[in-house]
């Protein structure tokens, strides 16, 4: 009887671990999707920042210089 109780206990624990494993897999997949989305957003923002820098640099180049000052 004791060995059956131990087996039942082990079986319950294995079931809980399997459920937890599935939950963690789903969480991991969601986090991976978030990482992908955030990486794409970061890359887009970097591109926009570089374009804005280029425009600012072009505007600075067009400013008259103060060579006589």
Protein backbone atom coordinates (compact mmCIF):
# COMPACT_ATOMS: atom_id res chain seq x y z
CA UNK A 1 0.00 0.00 0.00
CA UNK A 2 2.82 2.37 0.81
CA UNK A 3 4.51 1.82 -2.53
CA UNK A 4 1.19 2.53 -4.30
CA UNK A 5 0.85 5.74 -2.29
CA UNK A 6 4.39 6.70 -3.26
CA UNK A 7 3.66 5.95 -6.90
CA UNK A 8 0.48 8.01 -6.75
CA UNK A 9 2.40 10.86 -5.18
CA UNK A 10 5.11 10.65 -7.85
CA UNK A 11 2.48 10.48 -10.62
CA UNK A 12 0.73 13.58 -9.26
CA UNK A 13 4.02 15.42 -9.07
CA UNK A 14 4.91 14.44 -12.63
CA UNK A 15 1.50 15.67 -13.82
CA UNK A 16 2.00 19.01 -12.05
CA UNK A 17 5.47 19.32 -13.54
CA UNK A 18 4.14 18.60 -17.03
CA UNK A 19 1.45 21.26 -16.64
CA UNK A 20 4.03 23.73 -15.38
CA UNK A 21 6.33 22.86 -18.28
CA UNK A 22 3.54 23.57 -20.78
CA UNK A 23 2.79 26.89 -19.07
CA UNK A 24 6.45 27.87 -19.23
CA UNK A 25 6.64 26.90 -22.90
CA UNK A 26 3.66 29.14 -23.69
CA UNK A 27 5.15 31.98 -21.66
CA UNK A 28 8.49 31.54 -23.40
CA UNK A 29 6.81 31.65 -26.83
CA UNK A 30 4.98 34.86 -25.91
CA UNK A 31 8.19 36.42 -24.64
CA UNK A 32 10.01 35.42 -27.82
CA UNK A 33 7.28 37.14 -29.85
CA UNK A 34 7.66 40.27 -27.72
CA UNK A 35 11.43 40.23 -28.22
CA UNK A 36 10.93 39.99 -31.99
CA UNK A 37 8.42 42.85 -32.01
CA UNK A 38 10.59 45.04 -29.79
CA UNK A 39 13.67 44.31 -31.89
CA UNK A 40 11.81 45.39 -35.02
CA UNK A 41 10.56 48.53 -33.26
CA UNK A 42 14.09 49.34 -32.07
CA UNK A 43 15.49 48.89 -35.57
CA UNK A 44 12.78 51.14 -37.00
CA UNK A 45 13.45 53.82 -34.39
CA UNK A 46 17.20 53.63 -35.05
CA UNK A 47 16.54 54.09 -38.75
CA UNK A 48 14.31 57.10 -38.10
CA UNK A 49 16.92 58.55 -35.74
CA UNK A 50 19.66 58.17 -38.34
CA UNK A 51 17.45 59.84 -40.96
CA UNK A 52 16.70 62.72 -38.58
CA UNK A 53 20.41 63.11 -37.82
CA UNK A 54 21.17 63.26 -41.52
CA UNK A 55 18.53 65.97 -42.00
CA UNK A 56 19.87 67.98 -39.06
CA UNK A 57 23.43 67.64 -40.38
CA UNK A 58 22.26 68.84 -43.81
CA UNK A 59 20.54 71.84 -42.23
CA UNK A 60 23.66 72.68 -40.22
CA UNK A 61 25.73 72.58 -43.41
CA UNK A 62 23.38 75.11 -45.00
CA UNK A 63 23.75 77.61 -42.15
CA UNK A 64 25.92 80.59 -42.96
CA UNK A 65 29.30 80.45 -41.33
CA UNK A 66 30.48 83.25 -39.06
CA UNK A 67 33.96 83.59 -40.50
CA UNK A 68 34.04 87.35 -39.94
CA UNK A 69 33.28 87.15 -36.24
